[in-house]
Amino acid sequence: MIEIPKCLENRYNEAIKRVKESKFVRIIAHYDADGISSGALIYKTLIKDNKKIHISFKREYNKSAIEKYMDGPYDCYIFVDIGASMVKYLEDYAKNGKNIIILDHHQSNDDSDLLIHINPHLCGMDGTSDACGSTLSYIFSILYDENNWIMYPSFFAGVLGDRQNIDGYKGINKILIEYLENVKGLKKSMTLSLEGSNVFEMLMYATDPFILNLTGKEDKIKNVLKKLSIKEDEKFESLDEKRRNNLISYITLQLIKIGVDNEIIKGIIREKYDLMLSSQIYLSDASLSSIIDSCGKEEKHSVGLLFLNYPEKYMEEAIKIWKFYKIKMIEELYYSYENKKDLENIYLLPTRESAYTGPIAGILVSYALPGMKPAIGYSISNGNVKISARATKKMVQNGLNLGNILKECSEKFDGNGGGHNIAAGASVPEKYFSEFIKCVNDKVKESYGNK
């Protein structure tokens, strides 16, 4: 059996006890890859136990958004990958008899005796790298029924969706993966960090790494492959060592030319786990995570949920969504890059759809915007501005904390925000956007100055 941190053990035991005593469970999950994966784990666990379930995926998780979920004939409410920022608010419902469980990894110091809050931050761990929502949900599933270890693909989809595999697995993630390797025999190998059924698709849909002026450029990709003596329909694993190394060298050189950090470039070759979704379907961890992420971004949450639990029936539909999303994402990446503003301490990136803002900021700051400036992506709708900010590990090591900066600056201008040191979000009225950006620009400079 897995070993979990002692500080979480009693919380899990009580959460499982409450759920097992419930007949009708309400699940509210975040909308991204981690949220869908977390929700899928809880959903499958409870379906196997013949529970009645109502599940929803939500992008916004402010008071007004959550309020409408709190009525109904439910015995228990489970918030997965959201809820940490709403503990005090949800405590009011718990006082009135609502049975509430939170499985979240976002920054929080709030706790309560009236509800169950399972969060690595409450145990001195880092929710940015040590555990994500699917980590916590996977533990819940295994503790609920040890046979649920077989749901590990959903765990990997969430961990990679939140990029917690970067620089190696840590914390609770590492404990779980060592369990899967040593006890359950999961094997790993090395691969190129791109998704696709063949080499052409890997370059055509390349977003992590994003290869500026190659990704999405069909004719150019065909010419490159021809020069490297690689057929478009060949799989990377089937290439001989010489051609494989030539392809890696070509990609590396393009990233060096752009000025991508060496530590990020090293990540294009990484460990890979092939995940058994069914007796007939195996996918790499990165491919599965990318598919689930695309379902979230395209608001096809139910397809992601069902694909994770019934892969043979829903694979074709999920792959279609993935390809549509990739094409659209690449168009948005080039639009945002070409219309960026290079300010003193930040890059300001306009986006045309709010669902793409975070991924665009994260990809461009890693692969197309060299230096020590975080990327501040934004989209404007109905007099309000949605902001997603992303940094690199090196920026965080030099003192940057985007979560604190976005929280402080947004609250100054009648908005709200927060998140992790490396990734954060905010919302402010459009009329205050210029002042908000000036605040962020100044605070980033202060962060580096205080290091």
Protein backbone atom coordinates (compact mmCIF):
# COMPACT_ATOMS: atom_id res chain seq x y z
CA MET A 1 0.00 0.00 0.00
CA ILE A 2 1.19 3.55 -0.66
CA GLU A 3 2.62 5.66 2.13
CA ILE A 4 1.12 9.11 2.38
CA PRO A 5 2.27 12.03 4.55
CA LYS A 6 1.05 11.57 8.11
CA CYS A 7 -0.42 15.06 8.19
CA LEU A 8 -2.89 14.05 5.47
CA GLU A 9 -3.71 10.56 6.68
CA ASN A 10 -6.50 11.43 9.12
CA ARG A 11 -8.02 13.85 6.63
CA TYR A 12 -8.21 11.14 3.98
CA ASN A 13 -9.65 8.61 6.41
CA GLU A 14 -12.40 11.01 7.45
CA ALA A 15 -13.11 12.04 3.84
CA ILE A 16 -13.49 8.42 2.72
CA LYS A 17 -15.71 7.64 5.70
CA ARG A 18 -18.02 10.53 4.83
CA VAL A 19 -18.21 9.61 1.16
CA LYS A 20 -18.90 5.95 1.85
CA GLU A 21 -21.79 7.01 4.08
CA SER A 22 -23.20 9.18 1.27
CA LYS A 23 -25.58 8.10 -1.48
CA PHE A 24 -25.60 11.19 -3.74
CA VAL A 25 -22.31 13.05 -4.25
CA ARG A 26 -21.80 16.45 -5.94
CA ILE A 27 -18.38 16.86 -7.60
CA ILE A 28 -17.15 20.31 -8.68
CA ALA A 29 -13.85 20.27 -10.57
CA HIS A 30 -11.59 22.74 -12.33
CA TYR A 31 -11.84 22.86 -16.14
CA ASP A 32 -8.20 22.19 -17.10
CA ALA A 33 -6.25 18.94 -17.64
CA ASP A 34 -5.60 18.52 -13.93
CA GLY A 35 -9.19 19.31 -13.00
CA ILE A 36 -10.68 16.92 -15.57
CA SER A 37 -8.24 14.19 -14.54
CA SER A 38 -9.01 14.76 -10.86
CA GLY A 39 -12.73 14.69 -11.51
CA ALA A 40 -12.38 11.52 -13.60
CA LEU A 41 -10.62 9.75 -10.73
CA ILE A 42 -13.30 10.64 -8.19
CA TYR A 43 -16.07 9.92 -10.69
CA LYS A 44 -14.80 6.41 -11.53
CA THR A 45 -14.11 5.60 -7.89
CA LEU A 46 -17.66 6.43 -6.86
CA ILE A 47 -19.31 4.87 -9.91
CA LYS A 48 -17.60 1.59 -9.00
CA ASP A 49 -19.13 1.92 -5.54
CA ASN A 50 -22.61 2.48 -7.00
CA LYS A 51 -22.89 6.07 -5.81
CA LYS A 52 -25.20 8.53 -7.51
CA ILE A 53 -23.08 11.37 -8.92
CA HIS A 54 -23.52 14.84 -10.35
CA ILE A 55 -20.26 16.31 -11.72
CA SER A 56 -19.51 19.77 -13.16
CA PHE A 57 -16.34 21.41 -14.47
CA LYS A 58 -15.87 25.08 -13.77
CA ARG A 59 -13.39 27.69 -14.90
CA GLU A 60 -14.37 30.41 -12.45
CA TYR A 61 -14.54 29.54 -8.77
CA ASN A 62 -15.54 32.75 -7.04
CA LYS A 63 -18.38 32.96 -4.51
CA SER A 64 -21.14 33.58 -7.02
CA ALA A 65 -20.00 30.68 -9.20
CA ILE A 66 -19.91 28.22 -6.32
CA GLU A 67 -23.13 29.42 -4.71
CA LYS A 68 -25.37 27.87 -7.35
CA TYR A 69 -23.82 24.43 -6.79
CA MET A 70 -24.64 24.31 -3.10
CA ASP A 71 -28.35 23.57 -3.38
CA GLY A 72 -29.72 20.15 -4.17
CA PRO A 73 -30.36 16.72 -2.71
CA TYR A 74 -26.67 15.94 -2.17
CA ASP A 75 -25.18 14.12 0.83
CA CYS A 76 -21.63 15.28 0.11
CA TYR A 77 -19.79 17.92 -1.94
CA ILE A 78 -16.27 17.25 -3.26
CA PHE A 79 -14.24 20.13 -4.73
CA VAL A 80 -11.28 18.89 -6.78
CA ASP A 81 -8.46 21.12 -8.01
CA ILE A 82 -10.41 24.11 -6.70
CA GLY A 83 -11.62 25.31 -3.31
CA ALA A 84 -8.44 26.22 -1.44
CA SER A 85 -9.13 29.93 -1.80
CA MET A 86 -12.74 29.48 -0.71
CA VAL A 87 -12.32 27.61 2.59
CA LYS A 88 -13.75 30.37 4.80
CA TYR A 89 -16.67 30.88 2.43
CA LEU A 90 -17.45 27.17 2.22
CA GLU A 91 -17.15 26.92 6.00
CA ASP A 92 -20.40 28.87 6.25
CA TYR A 93 -22.16 26.10 4.32
CA ALA A 94 -20.52 23.48 6.53
CA LYS A 95 -21.91 25.27 9.59
CA ASN A 96 -25.36 24.76 8.11
CA GLY A 97 -24.86 21.02 7.76
CA LYS A 98 -23.28 20.70 4.32
CA ASN A 99 -20.76 17.85 4.09
CA ILE A 100 -17.77 19.39 2.23
CA ILE A 101 -14.44 17.93 1.11
CA ILE A 102 -11.73 19.91 -0.70
CA LEU A 103 -8.90 18.20 -2.63
CA ASP A 104 -6.76 21.09 -3.85
CA HIS A 105 -3.09 22.02 -4.24
CA HIS A 106 -3.28 25.78 -4.71
CA GLN A 107 -1.74 28.12 -2.15
CA SER A 108 -3.72 28.32 1.06
CA ASN A 109 -3.15 28.72 4.78
CA ASP A 110 -6.85 28.39 5.57
CA ASP A 111 -8.11 25.33 7.36
CA SER A 112 -11.31 24.42 9.19
CA ASP A 113 -12.62 21.85 11.62
CA LEU A 114 -16.01 22.05 9.92
CA LEU A 115 -14.93 20.72 6.53
CA ILE A 116 -12.13 18.50 5.22
CA HIS A 117 -9.36 20.37 3.42
CA ILE A 118 -6.70 18.10 1.89
CA ASN A 119 -3.88 20.29 0.59
CA PRO A 120 -0.08 19.82 0.49
CA HIS A 121 0.44 23.43 1.58
CA LEU A 122 -1.10 22.60 4.96
CA CYS A 123 1.71 20.08 5.47
CA GLY A 124 4.60 22.33 4.46
CA MET A 125 4.79 20.93 0.93
CA ASP A 126 4.74 22.78 -2.38
CA GLY A 127 1.56 22.52 -4.42
CA THR A 128 3.45 23.76 -7.48
CA SER A 129 5.73 20.72 -7.69
CA ASP A 130 4.98 18.12 -4.98
CA ALA A 131 1.31 17.37 -5.72
CA CYS A 132 -1.54 18.54 -7.93
CA GLY A 133 -5.27 17.87 -7.90
CA SER A 134 -4.95 14.51 -9.65
CA THR A 135 -2.26 13.48 -7.17
CA LEU A 136 -4.62 14.05 -4.27
CA SER A 137 -7.55 12.45 -6.10
CA TYR A 138 -5.49 9.38 -7.06
CA ILE A 139 -4.54 8.85 -3.41
CA PHE A 140 -8.21 9.15 -2.48
CA SER A 141 -9.08 6.51 -5.10
CA ILE A 142 -6.42 4.03 -3.92
CA LEU A 143 -7.28 4.47 -0.27
CA TYR A 144 -10.97 4.04 -1.12
CA ASP A 145 -10.23 0.76 -2.89
CA GLU A 146 -6.68 -0.53 -3.40
CA ASN A 147 -7.65 -2.00 -6.77
CA ASN A 148 -8.06 1.57 -8.06
CA TRP A 149 -4.30 1.88 -8.62
CA ILE A 150 -5.12 0.87 -12.22
CA MET A 151 -6.50 4.41 -12.72
CA TYR A 152 -2.92 5.75 -12.89
CA PRO A 153 -3.31 7.22 -16.45
CA SER A 154 -5.60 9.93 -15.04
CA PHE A 155 -2.99 10.71 -12.38
CA PHE A 156 -0.28 11.20 -15.03
CA ALA A 157 -2.59 13.28 -17.24
CA GLY A 158 -3.13 15.75 -14.41
CA VAL A 159 0.49 15.90 -13.24
CA LEU A 160 1.80 16.60 -16.74
CA GLY A 161 -1.08 19.00 -17.36
CA ASP A 162 0.19 21.09 -14.43
CA ARG A 163 3.81 20.57 -15.59
CA GLN A 164 4.84 18.95 -12.32
CA ASN A 165 7.11 16.55 -14.20
CA ILE A 166 9.54 19.34 -15.08
CA ASP A 167 13.01 18.71 -13.54
CA GLY A 168 11.88 15.33 -12.25
CA TYR A 169 9.03 14.21 -10.02
CA LYS A 170 9.06 15.41 -6.43
CA GLY A 171 7.14 15.09 -3.19
CA ILE A 172 3.97 13.01 -3.20
CA ASN A 173 4.17 12.63 -7.00
CA LYS A 174 7.50 10.86 -6.59
CA ILE A 175 6.09 8.57 -3.88
CA LEU A 176 3.24 7.51 -6.17
CA ILE A 177 5.44 6.97 -9.22
CA GLU A 178 7.95 4.91 -7.26
CA TYR A 179 4.99 2.82 -6.05
CA LEU A 180 3.83 2.31 -9.63
CA GLU A 181 7.35 1.39 -10.78
CA ASN A 182 8.45 -0.80 -7.89
CA VAL A 183 5.17 -2.46 -6.94
CA LYS A 184 3.11 -2.38 -10.14
CA GLY A 185 5.92 -2.68 -12.69
CA LEU A 186 5.37 0.54 -14.68
CA LYS A 187 8.24 1.06 -17.16
CA LYS A 188 9.79 4.28 -18.47
CA SER A 189 11.88 5.18 -21.52
CA MET A 190 13.42 8.29 -23.09
CA THR A 191 11.71 10.19 -25.90
CA LEU A 192 11.40 13.52 -27.70
CA SER A 193 9.00 15.76 -25.80
CA LEU A 194 6.46 16.15 -28.59
CA GLU A 195 3.07 14.57 -29.27
CA GLY A 196 1.78 13.02 -32.45
CA SER A 197 1.34 9.70 -34.23
CA ASN A 198 4.36 10.33 -36.51
CA VAL A 199 7.30 12.70 -36.94
CA PHE A 200 5.38 15.11 -39.18
CA GLU A 201 2.59 15.49 -36.62
CA MET A 202 5.14 15.94 -33.83
CA LEU A 203 6.57 19.01 -35.60
CA MET A 204 3.31 20.27 -37.06
CA TYR A 205 1.58 20.38 -33.67
CA ALA A 206 4.67 21.22 -31.60
CA THR A 207 3.80 23.55 -28.74
CA ASP A 208 6.02 22.17 -25.95
CA PRO A 209 8.57 22.84 -27.28
CA PHE A 210 7.12 25.53 -29.52
CA ILE A 211 9.55 25.98 -32.43
CA LEU A 212 9.06 29.53 -33.67
CA ASN A 213 8.65 29.72 -37.47
CA LEU A 214 8.52 25.92 -37.79
CA THR A 215 5.56 24.78 -35.69
CA GLY A 216 2.43 24.77 -37.86
CA LYS A 217 4.38 25.50 -41.07
CA GLU A 218 3.52 22.48 -43.24
CA ASP A 219 5.75 23.15 -46.25
CA LYS A 220 8.76 24.07 -44.14
CA ILE A 221 8.38 20.93 -42.01
CA LYS A 222 8.25 18.75 -45.15
CA ASN A 223 11.45 20.36 -46.44
CA VAL A 224 13.24 19.87 -43.11
CA LEU A 225 12.26 16.20 -42.93
CA LYS A 226 13.38 15.67 -46.51
CA LYS A 227 16.80 17.14 -45.73
CA LEU A 228 17.05 14.87 -42.69
CA SER A 229 16.07 11.82 -44.77
CA ILE A 230 13.01 11.21 -42.59
CA LYS A 231 9.67 10.14 -44.04
CA GLU A 232 6.65 12.12 -42.84
CA ASP A 233 4.78 9.05 -41.57
CA GLU A 234 7.70 7.56 -39.62
CA LYS A 235 7.47 7.28 -35.85
CA PHE A 236 10.23 8.85 -33.77
CA GLU A 237 10.88 5.54 -32.00
CA SER A 238 11.40 3.78 -35.34
CA LEU A 239 14.16 6.14 -36.53
CA ASP A 240 17.71 4.84 -36.49
CA GLU A 241 20.09 6.53 -34.05
CA LYS A 242 21.68 8.80 -36.66
CA ARG A 243 18.41 10.26 -37.97
CA ARG A 244 16.99 10.51 -34.46
CA ASN A 245 20.02 12.51 -33.30
CA ASN A 246 19.91 14.69 -36.41
CA LEU A 247 16.29 15.60 -35.70
CA ILE A 248 17.06 16.39 -32.06
CA SER A 249 20.06 18.49 -33.10
CA TYR A 250 17.96 20.45 -35.60
CA ILE A 251 15.28 21.26 -33.01
CA THR A 252 17.92 22.18 -30.43
CA LEU A 253 19.65 24.55 -32.85
CA GLN A 254 16.38 26.35 -33.64
CA LEU A 255 15.72 26.87 -29.91
CA ILE A 256 19.28 28.12 -29.32
CA LYS A 257 18.87 30.64 -32.14
CA ILE A 258 15.75 32.02 -30.46
CA GLY A 259 17.58 32.31 -27.11
CA VAL A 260 15.73 29.63 -25.16
CA ASP A 261 17.28 28.89 -21.76
CA ASN A 262 19.59 25.85 -21.72
CA GLU A 263 17.68 24.23 -18.87
CA ILE A 264 14.47 24.42 -20.90
CA ILE A 265 16.20 23.03 -24.00
CA LYS A 266 17.40 20.03 -22.00
CA GLY A 267 13.76 19.21 -21.35
CA ILE A 268 13.04 18.33 -25.00
CA ILE A 269 14.41 14.86 -24.22
CA ARG A 270 12.59 13.43 -21.26
CA GLU A 271 11.43 10.32 -19.49
CA LYS A 272 8.23 8.83 -20.88
CA TYR A 273 5.71 6.42 -19.45
CA ASP A 274 3.43 4.48 -21.78
CA LEU A 275 0.05 4.32 -20.10
CA MET A 276 -2.43 1.46 -20.46
CA LEU A 277 -5.86 3.02 -20.91
CA SER A 278 -7.33 -0.34 -21.93
CA SER A 279 -6.12 -3.69 -23.21
CA GLN A 280 -6.16 -2.18 -26.71
CA ILE A 281 -5.05 1.43 -26.11
CA TYR A 282 -1.67 2.68 -24.92
CA LEU A 283 -0.67 6.36 -25.01
CA SER A 284 2.38 8.22 -23.81
CA ASP A 285 1.87 10.31 -20.70
CA ALA A 286 2.40 13.58 -22.61
CA SER A 287 -0.03 12.62 -25.39
CA LEU A 288 -2.76 11.69 -22.93
CA SER A 289 -2.29 14.89 -20.93
CA SER A 290 -2.39 17.00 -24.08
CA ILE A 291 -5.62 15.36 -25.24
CA ILE A 292 -7.31 15.97 -21.88
CA ASP A 293 -6.05 19.55 -21.81
CA SER A 294 -7.53 20.17 -25.26
CA CYS A 295 -10.89 18.85 -24.09
CA GLY A 296 -10.80 21.35 -21.25
CA LYS A 297 -9.80 24.30 -23.38
CA GLU A 298 -12.48 23.51 -25.96
CA GLU A 299 -15.09 23.13 -23.19
CA LYS A 300 -15.57 19.44 -24.00
CA HIS A 301 -15.01 18.41 -20.41
CA SER A 302 -17.39 15.47 -20.61
CA VAL A 303 -15.41 14.00 -23.53
CA GLY A 304 -12.19 14.21 -21.49
CA LEU A 305 -13.91 12.62 -18.50
CA LEU A 306 -15.42 9.81 -20.56
CA PHE A 307 -12.24 9.19 -22.58
CA LEU A 308 -10.25 8.64 -19.39
CA ASN A 309 -12.82 6.15 -18.13
CA TYR A 310 -14.08 4.57 -21.38
CA PRO A 311 -11.16 5.11 -23.82
CA GLU A 312 -12.12 2.73 -26.62
CA LYS A 313 -15.52 4.36 -27.08
CA TYR A 314 -14.37 7.99 -26.94
CA MET A 315 -10.83 7.96 -28.37
CA GLU A 316 -11.75 9.04 -31.91
CA GLU A 317 -13.75 12.02 -30.66
CA ALA A 318 -11.00 13.03 -28.21
CA ILE A 319 -8.30 12.93 -30.91
CA LYS A 320 -10.44 15.15 -33.18
CA ILE A 321 -10.74 17.71 -30.39
CA TRP A 322 -6.97 17.54 -29.78
CA LYS A 323 -6.12 18.27 -33.44
CA PHE A 324 -8.66 21.09 -33.67
CA TYR A 325 -7.30 22.64 -30.47
CA LYS A 326 -3.68 22.35 -31.58
CA ILE A 327 -4.33 24.10 -34.88
CA LYS A 328 -6.23 26.87 -33.14
CA MET A 329 -3.61 27.19 -30.39
CA ILE A 330 -0.80 27.56 -32.93
CA GLU A 331 -2.73 30.30 -34.75
CA GLU A 332 -3.21 32.10 -31.44
CA LEU A 333 0.47 31.69 -30.49
CA TYR A 334 1.62 33.44 -33.65
CA TYR A 335 -1.04 36.16 -33.25
CA SER A 336 -0.02 36.85 -29.66
CA TYR A 337 3.70 36.79 -30.46
CA GLU A 338 3.34 39.16 -33.41
CA ASN A 339 1.22 41.62 -31.36
CA LYS A 340 3.19 41.51 -28.09
CA LYS A 341 4.34 44.58 -26.20
CA ASP A 342 7.83 44.53 -24.74
CA LEU A 343 7.62 46.60 -21.54
CA GLU A 344 10.46 47.34 -19.12
CA ASN A 345 9.99 44.28 -16.90
CA ILE A 346 7.23 42.19 -18.54
CA TYR A 347 5.94 41.02 -21.90
CA LEU A 348 2.30 41.91 -22.50
CA LEU A 349 0.51 39.39 -24.71
CA PRO A 350 -2.95 40.04 -26.20
CA THR A 351 -5.11 36.97 -26.80
CA ARG A 352 -8.41 36.68 -28.62
CA GLU A 353 -9.93 34.01 -26.38
CA SER A 354 -9.54 33.78 -22.62
CA ALA A 355 -9.26 29.97 -22.66
CA TYR A 356 -5.96 30.29 -24.52
CA THR A 357 -4.43 33.05 -22.43
CA GLY A 358 -2.63 30.90 -19.84
CA PRO A 359 -1.21 28.31 -22.25
CA ILE A 360 -0.02 31.01 -24.65
CA ALA A 361 1.75 32.92 -21.90
CA GLY A 362 3.39 29.73 -20.62
CA ILE A 363 4.56 28.55 -24.03
CA LEU A 364 5.86 31.90 -25.26
CA VAL A 365 7.72 32.79 -22.07
CA SER A 366 9.55 29.46 -22.30
CA TYR A 367 10.22 29.22 -26.03
CA ALA A 368 9.92 32.61 -27.73
CA LEU A 369 10.54 35.41 -25.19
CA PRO A 370 14.12 35.17 -23.91
CA GLY A 371 15.30 37.01 -20.83
CA MET A 372 13.97 37.48 -17.30
CA LYS A 373 10.61 39.02 -18.12
CA PRO A 374 7.43 37.10 -17.23
CA ALA A 375 4.64 36.91 -19.80
CA ILE A 376 1.35 38.60 -18.94
CA GLY A 377 -1.37 37.29 -21.22
CA TYR A 378 -4.76 39.01 -21.29
CA SER A 379 -8.13 38.99 -23.02
CA ILE A 380 -10.90 41.60 -22.82
CA SER A 381 -14.60 40.80 -22.69
CA ASN A 382 -17.66 42.74 -21.51
CA GLY A 383 -15.67 45.46 -19.76
CA ASN A 384 -13.51 42.99 -17.85
CA VAL A 385 -9.94 41.79 -18.42
CA LYS A 386 -8.84 38.22 -17.73
CA ILE A 387 -5.12 37.91 -17.01
CA SER A 388 -2.90 34.84 -16.98
CA ALA A 389 0.74 35.33 -16.03
CA ARG A 390 3.56 32.83 -16.50
CA ALA A 391 7.24 32.79 -15.52
CA THR A 392 10.16 30.39 -15.78
CA LYS A 393 11.89 28.50 -13.01
CA LYS A 394 14.89 30.82 -13.26
CA MET A 395 12.68 33.87 -12.67
CA VAL A 396 11.18 32.27 -9.56
CA GLN A 397 14.64 31.37 -8.29
CA ASN A 398 15.53 35.05 -8.60
CA GLY A 399 12.68 36.13 -6.33
CA LEU A 400 9.60 36.39 -8.55
CA ASN A 401 6.21 35.33 -7.15
CA LEU A 402 3.47 35.97 -9.68
CA GLY A 403 0.74 34.74 -7.34
CA ASN A 404 1.54 37.43 -4.78
CA ILE A 405 2.00 40.14 -7.40
CA LEU A 406 -1.28 39.48 -9.21
CA LYS A 407 -3.17 39.23 -5.95
CA GLU A 408 -1.78 42.53 -4.65
CA CYS A 409 -2.17 44.48 -7.90
CA SER A 410 -5.63 43.18 -8.79
CA GLU A 411 -7.04 43.95 -5.35
CA LYS A 412 -5.81 47.53 -5.69
CA PHE A 413 -8.02 47.98 -8.72
CA ASP A 414 -11.31 46.36 -7.76
CA GLY A 415 -10.32 42.91 -9.01
CA ASN A 416 -9.12 39.58 -7.67
CA GLY A 417 -6.24 37.26 -8.39
CA GLY A 418 -3.56 34.91 -7.11
CA GLY A 419 -2.05 31.51 -7.79
CA HIS A 420 1.43 30.01 -7.76
CA ASN A 421 4.81 31.76 -7.86
CA ILE A 422 5.38 30.56 -11.44
CA ALA A 423 1.80 30.76 -12.74
CA ALA A 424 -1.06 32.99 -11.65
CA GLY A 425 -4.27 34.60 -12.83
CA ALA A 426 -6.35 37.70 -12.17
CA SER A 427 -9.40 39.62 -13.28
CA VAL A 428 -9.78 43.42 -13.26
CA PRO A 429 -12.23 45.95 -14.75
CA GLU A 430 -11.06 47.13 -18.17
CA LYS A 431 -10.98 50.76 -17.04
CA TYR A 432 -8.20 49.93 -14.54
CA PHE A 433 -6.17 47.65 -16.81
CA SER A 434 -3.40 50.17 -17.61
CA GLU A 435 -2.90 50.95 -13.93
CA PHE A 436 -2.93 47.25 -13.10
CA ILE A 437 -0.21 46.54 -15.69
CA LYS A 438 1.92 49.39 -14.37
CA CYS A 439 1.59 47.90 -10.88
CA VAL A 440 2.65 44.45 -12.13
CA ASN A 441 5.55 45.91 -14.09
CA ASP A 442 6.80 47.74 -10.99
CA LYS A 443 6.34 44.77 -8.66
CA VAL A 444 8.32 42.46 -10.95
CA LYS A 445 11.23 44.90 -10.80
CA GLU A 446 10.95 45.05 -7.01
CA SER A 447 10.96 41.23 -6.80
CA TYR A 448 14.30 40.96 -8.55
CA GLY A 449 15.67 43.88 -6.59
CA ASN A 450 14.81 42.22 -3.28
CA LYS A 451 16.59 38.98 -4.13
